[in-house]
C-alpha atoms as a PDB file:
ATOM      1  CA  GLN A   1      86.941  73.169 102.551  1.00  0.00           C
ATOM      2  CA  VAL A   2      86.829  70.155 100.250  1.00  0.00           C
ATOM      3  CA  GLN A   3      83.759  68.974  98.393  1.00  0.00           C
ATOM      4  CA  LEU A   4      83.357  65.520  96.887  1.00  0.00           C
ATOM      5  CA  VAL A   5      80.654  64.612  94.402  1.00  0.00           C
ATOM      6  CA  GLU A   6      80.075  61.012  93.372  1.00  0.00           C
ATOM      7  CA  SER A   7      78.258  59.886  90.249  1.00  0.00           C
ATOM      8  CA  GLY A   8      77.718  56.787  88.169  1.00  0.00           C
ATOM      9  CA  GLY A   9      75.670  54.598  90.460  1.00  0.00           C
ATOM     10  CA  GLY A  10      72.546  52.807  89.371  1.00  0.00           C
ATOM     11  CA  LEU A  11      70.812  49.502  88.812  1.00  0.00           C
ATOM     12  CA  VAL A  12      72.700  46.773  86.979  1.00  0.00           C
ATOM     13  CA  GLN A  13      72.158  43.065  86.422  1.00  0.00           C
ATOM     14  CA  PRO A  14      74.506  40.491  87.921  1.00  0.00           C
ATOM     15  CA  GLY A  15      77.599  40.193  85.786  1.00  0.00           C
ATOM     16  CA  GLY A  16      77.269  43.753  84.570  1.00  0.00           C
ATOM     17  CA  SER A  17      79.568  46.748  84.945  1.00  0.00           C
ATOM     18  CA  LEU A  18      79.422  50.256  86.331  1.00  0.00           C
ATOM     19  CA  ARG A  19      81.922  53.095  86.530  1.00  0.00           C
ATOM     20  CA  LEU A  20      81.787  55.416  89.498  1.00  0.00           C
ATOM     21  CA  SER A  21      83.343  58.865  89.504  1.00  0.00           C
ATOM     22  CA  CYS A  22      84.273  61.166  92.368  1.00  0.00           C
ATOM     23  CA  ALA A  23      85.109  64.781  91.627  1.00  0.00           C
ATOM     24  CA  ALA A  24      86.961  66.749  94.287  1.00  0.00           C
ATOM     25  CA  SER A  25      86.975  70.517  94.552  1.00  0.00           C
ATOM     26  CA  GLY A  26      88.241  73.058  97.018  1.00  0.00           C
ATOM     27  CA  ARG A  27      91.393  74.801  98.102  1.00  0.00           C
ATOM     28  CA  ASN A  28      94.611  73.151  99.168  1.00  0.00           C
ATOM     29  CA  LEU A  29      93.844  69.602  98.128  1.00  0.00           C
ATOM     30  CA  GLY A  30      97.575  68.974  98.344  1.00  0.00           C
ATOM     31  CA  ASP A  31      98.937  65.483  98.752  1.00  0.00           C
ATOM     32  CA  ASN A  32      96.065  63.146  99.404  1.00  0.00           C
ATOM     33  CA  THR A  33      94.838  59.592  99.279  1.00  0.00           C
ATOM     34  CA  MET A  34      91.404  58.881  97.857  1.00  0.00           C
ATOM     35  CA  GLY A  35      89.292  55.844  98.384  1.00  0.00           C
ATOM     36  CA  TRP A  36      85.980  54.170  97.756  1.00  0.00           C
ATOM     37  CA  TYR A  37      83.984  52.771 100.633  1.00  0.00           C
ATOM     38  CA  ARG A  38      80.616  51.071 100.654  1.00  0.00           C
ATOM     39  CA  GLN A  39      77.887  50.459 103.163  1.00  0.00           C
ATOM     40  CA  ALA A  40      75.166  47.873 102.733  1.00  0.00           C
ATOM     41  CA  PRO A  41      71.969  47.965 104.820  1.00  0.00           C
ATOM     42  CA  GLY A  42      72.629  46.758 108.334  1.00  0.00           C
ATOM     43  CA  LYS A  43      76.369  46.556 107.788  1.00  0.00           C
ATOM     44  CA  GLU A  44      79.339  48.735 108.647  1.00  0.00           C
ATOM     45  CA  ARG A  45      81.014  50.919 106.088  1.00  0.00           C
ATOM     46  CA  GLU A  46      83.970  49.101 104.531  1.00  0.00           C
ATOM     47  CA  LEU A  47      86.901  50.015 102.356  1.00  0.00           C
ATOM     48  CA  VAL A  48      86.650  48.860  98.752  1.00  0.00           C
ATOM     49  CA  ALA A  49      89.780  50.377  97.208  1.00  0.00           C
ATOM     50  CA  ALA A  50      92.182  53.265  97.726  1.00  0.00           C
ATOM     51  CA  ILE A  51      94.716  55.137  95.624  1.00  0.00           C
ATOM     52  CA  THR A  52      97.464  57.582  96.495  1.00  0.00           C
ATOM     53  CA  ARG A  53      98.238  60.687  94.512  1.00  0.00           C
ATOM     54  CA  GLY A  54     101.219  58.811  93.104  1.00  0.00           C
ATOM     55  CA  GLY A  55      99.008  55.991  91.892  1.00  0.00           C
ATOM     56  CA  SER A  56      99.656  53.256  94.439  1.00  0.00           C
ATOM     57  CA  THR A  57      96.531  51.173  94.912  1.00  0.00           C
ATOM     58  CA  SER A  58      95.062  48.771  97.425  1.00  0.00           C
ATOM     59  CA  TYR A  59      91.922  46.651  97.285  1.00  0.00           C
ATOM     60  CA  ALA A  60      89.645  44.739  99.581  1.00  0.00           C
ATOM     61  CA  ASP A  61      89.720  41.021  98.872  1.00  0.00           C
ATOM     62  CA  SER A  62      86.137  41.230  97.602  1.00  0.00           C
ATOM     63  CA  ALA A  63      87.197  43.762  94.955  1.00  0.00           C
ATOM     64  CA  LYS A  64      90.412  42.168  93.715  1.00  0.00           C
ATOM     65  CA  GLY A  65      90.221  41.032  90.111  1.00  0.00           C
ATOM     66  CA  ARG A  66      86.853  42.686  89.498  1.00  0.00           C
ATOM     67  CA  PHE A  67      87.257  46.365  90.392  1.00  0.00           C
ATOM     68  CA  ALA A  68      89.867  48.869  89.245  1.00  0.00           C
ATOM     69  CA  ILE A  69      90.517  52.201  90.936  1.00  0.00           C
ATOM     70  CA  SER A  70      92.174  55.069  89.103  1.00  0.00           C
ATOM     71  CA  ARG A  71      92.508  58.825  89.305  1.00  0.00           C
ATOM     72  CA  ASP A  72      93.187  61.826  87.123  1.00  0.00           C
ATOM     73  CA  ASN A  73      95.108  64.328  89.244  1.00  0.00           C
ATOM     74  CA  ALA A  74      94.720  67.087  86.665  1.00  0.00           C
ATOM     75  CA  LYS A  75      90.951  66.794  87.022  1.00  0.00           C
ATOM     76  CA  ASN A  76      90.971  65.956  90.753  1.00  0.00           C
ATOM     77  CA  THR A  77      88.772  63.016  89.903  1.00  0.00           C
ATOM     78  CA  MET A  78      88.836  59.400  91.018  1.00  0.00           C
ATOM     79  CA  TYR A  79      87.148  56.465  89.334  1.00  0.00           C
ATOM     80  CA  LEU A  80      86.060  52.959  90.212  1.00  0.00           C
ATOM     81  CA  GLN A  81      85.487  50.561  87.345  1.00  0.00           C
ATOM     82  CA  MET A  82      83.366  47.695  88.634  1.00  0.00           C
ATOM     83  CA  ASN A  83      83.045  44.548  86.525  1.00  0.00           C
ATOM     84  CA  SER A  84      81.405  41.178  87.116  1.00  0.00           C
ATOM     85  CA  LEU A  85      79.090  42.742  89.651  1.00  0.00           C
ATOM     86  CA  LYS A  86      77.338  40.513  92.156  1.00  0.00           C
ATOM     87  CA  PRO A  87      74.197  41.077  94.251  1.00  0.00           C
ATOM     88  CA  GLU A  88      76.425  41.314  97.321  1.00  0.00           C
ATOM     89  CA  ASP A  89      78.043  44.414  95.817  1.00  0.00           C
ATOM     90  CA  THR A  90      74.768  46.249  96.398  1.00  0.00           C
ATOM     91  CA  ALA A  91      75.462  49.188  98.698  1.00  0.00           C
ATOM     92  CA  VAL A  92      75.831  52.929  98.911  1.00  0.00           C
ATOM     93  CA  TYR A  93      79.303  53.764  97.646  1.00  0.00           C
ATOM     94  CA  TYR A  94      81.112  56.681  99.240  1.00  0.00           C
ATOM     95  CA  CYS A  95      84.145  58.609  98.121  1.00  0.00           C
ATOM     96  CA  LYS A  96      86.710  59.668 100.723  1.00  0.00           C
ATOM     97  CA  LEU A  97      89.630  62.060 100.468  1.00  0.00           C
ATOM     98  CA  ALA A  98      92.296  62.065 103.155  1.00  0.00           C
ATOM     99  CA  LEU A  99      94.733  64.956 103.292  1.00  0.00           C
ATOM    100  CA  VAL A 100      98.195  63.646 104.060  1.00  0.00           C
ATOM    101  CA  PHE A 101      99.535  66.794 105.745  1.00  0.00           C
ATOM    102  CA  SER A 102      96.623  67.675 108.018  1.00  0.00           C
ATOM    103  CA  GLY A 103      95.116  64.223 108.433  1.00  0.00           C
ATOM    104  CA  ARG A 104      91.637  65.593 107.728  1.00  0.00           C
ATOM    105  CA  ASN A 105      89.142  63.359 105.983  1.00  0.00           C
ATOM    106  CA  TYR A 106      86.298  64.382 103.707  1.00  0.00           C
ATOM    107  CA  TRP A 107      83.373  62.303 102.460  1.00  0.00           C
ATOM    108  CA  GLY A 108      81.031  62.497  99.533  1.00  0.00           C
ATOM    109  CA  GLN A 109      77.277  62.106  99.812  1.00  0.00           C
ATOM    110  CA  GLY A 110      77.257  58.582  98.406  1.00  0.00           C
ATOM    111  CA  THR A 111      75.838  56.938  95.304  1.00  0.00           C
ATOM    112  CA  GLN A 112      73.588  53.877  95.301  1.00  0.00           C
ATOM    113  CA  VAL A 113      74.681  50.756  93.450  1.00  0.00           C
ATOM    114  CA  THR A 114      72.092  48.013  93.124  1.00  0.00           C
ATOM    115  CA  VAL A 115      72.917  44.684  91.517  1.00  0.00           C
ATOM    116  CA  SER A 116      69.762  42.743  90.816  1.00  0.00           C
ATOM    117  CA  SER A 117      68.042  40.804  88.081  1.00  0.00           C
END
């Protein structure tokens, strides 16, 4: 079983920054891809950014140039540095871990990010 715990959300003014963290624990994490997703009220959950264990990254167009995803494999922790935040970035941000071998996916409980003046 894999557990994911997100932290770092909160209220920030437009133009501000936040850093989200996702700590993974459990047995047999193995080779995996981790990602950040977000879901705004009334909208579908969408991918924000993803990173492989080897460090390859991908971003949604809305995140390019403003957000940076990274991970520390020794700590089984993933990060999302969010800069130049906009009100439209307001959402619950979820961490996802996908095991490459088994194809199983695990989700965190989510952390609220609110961008408002």
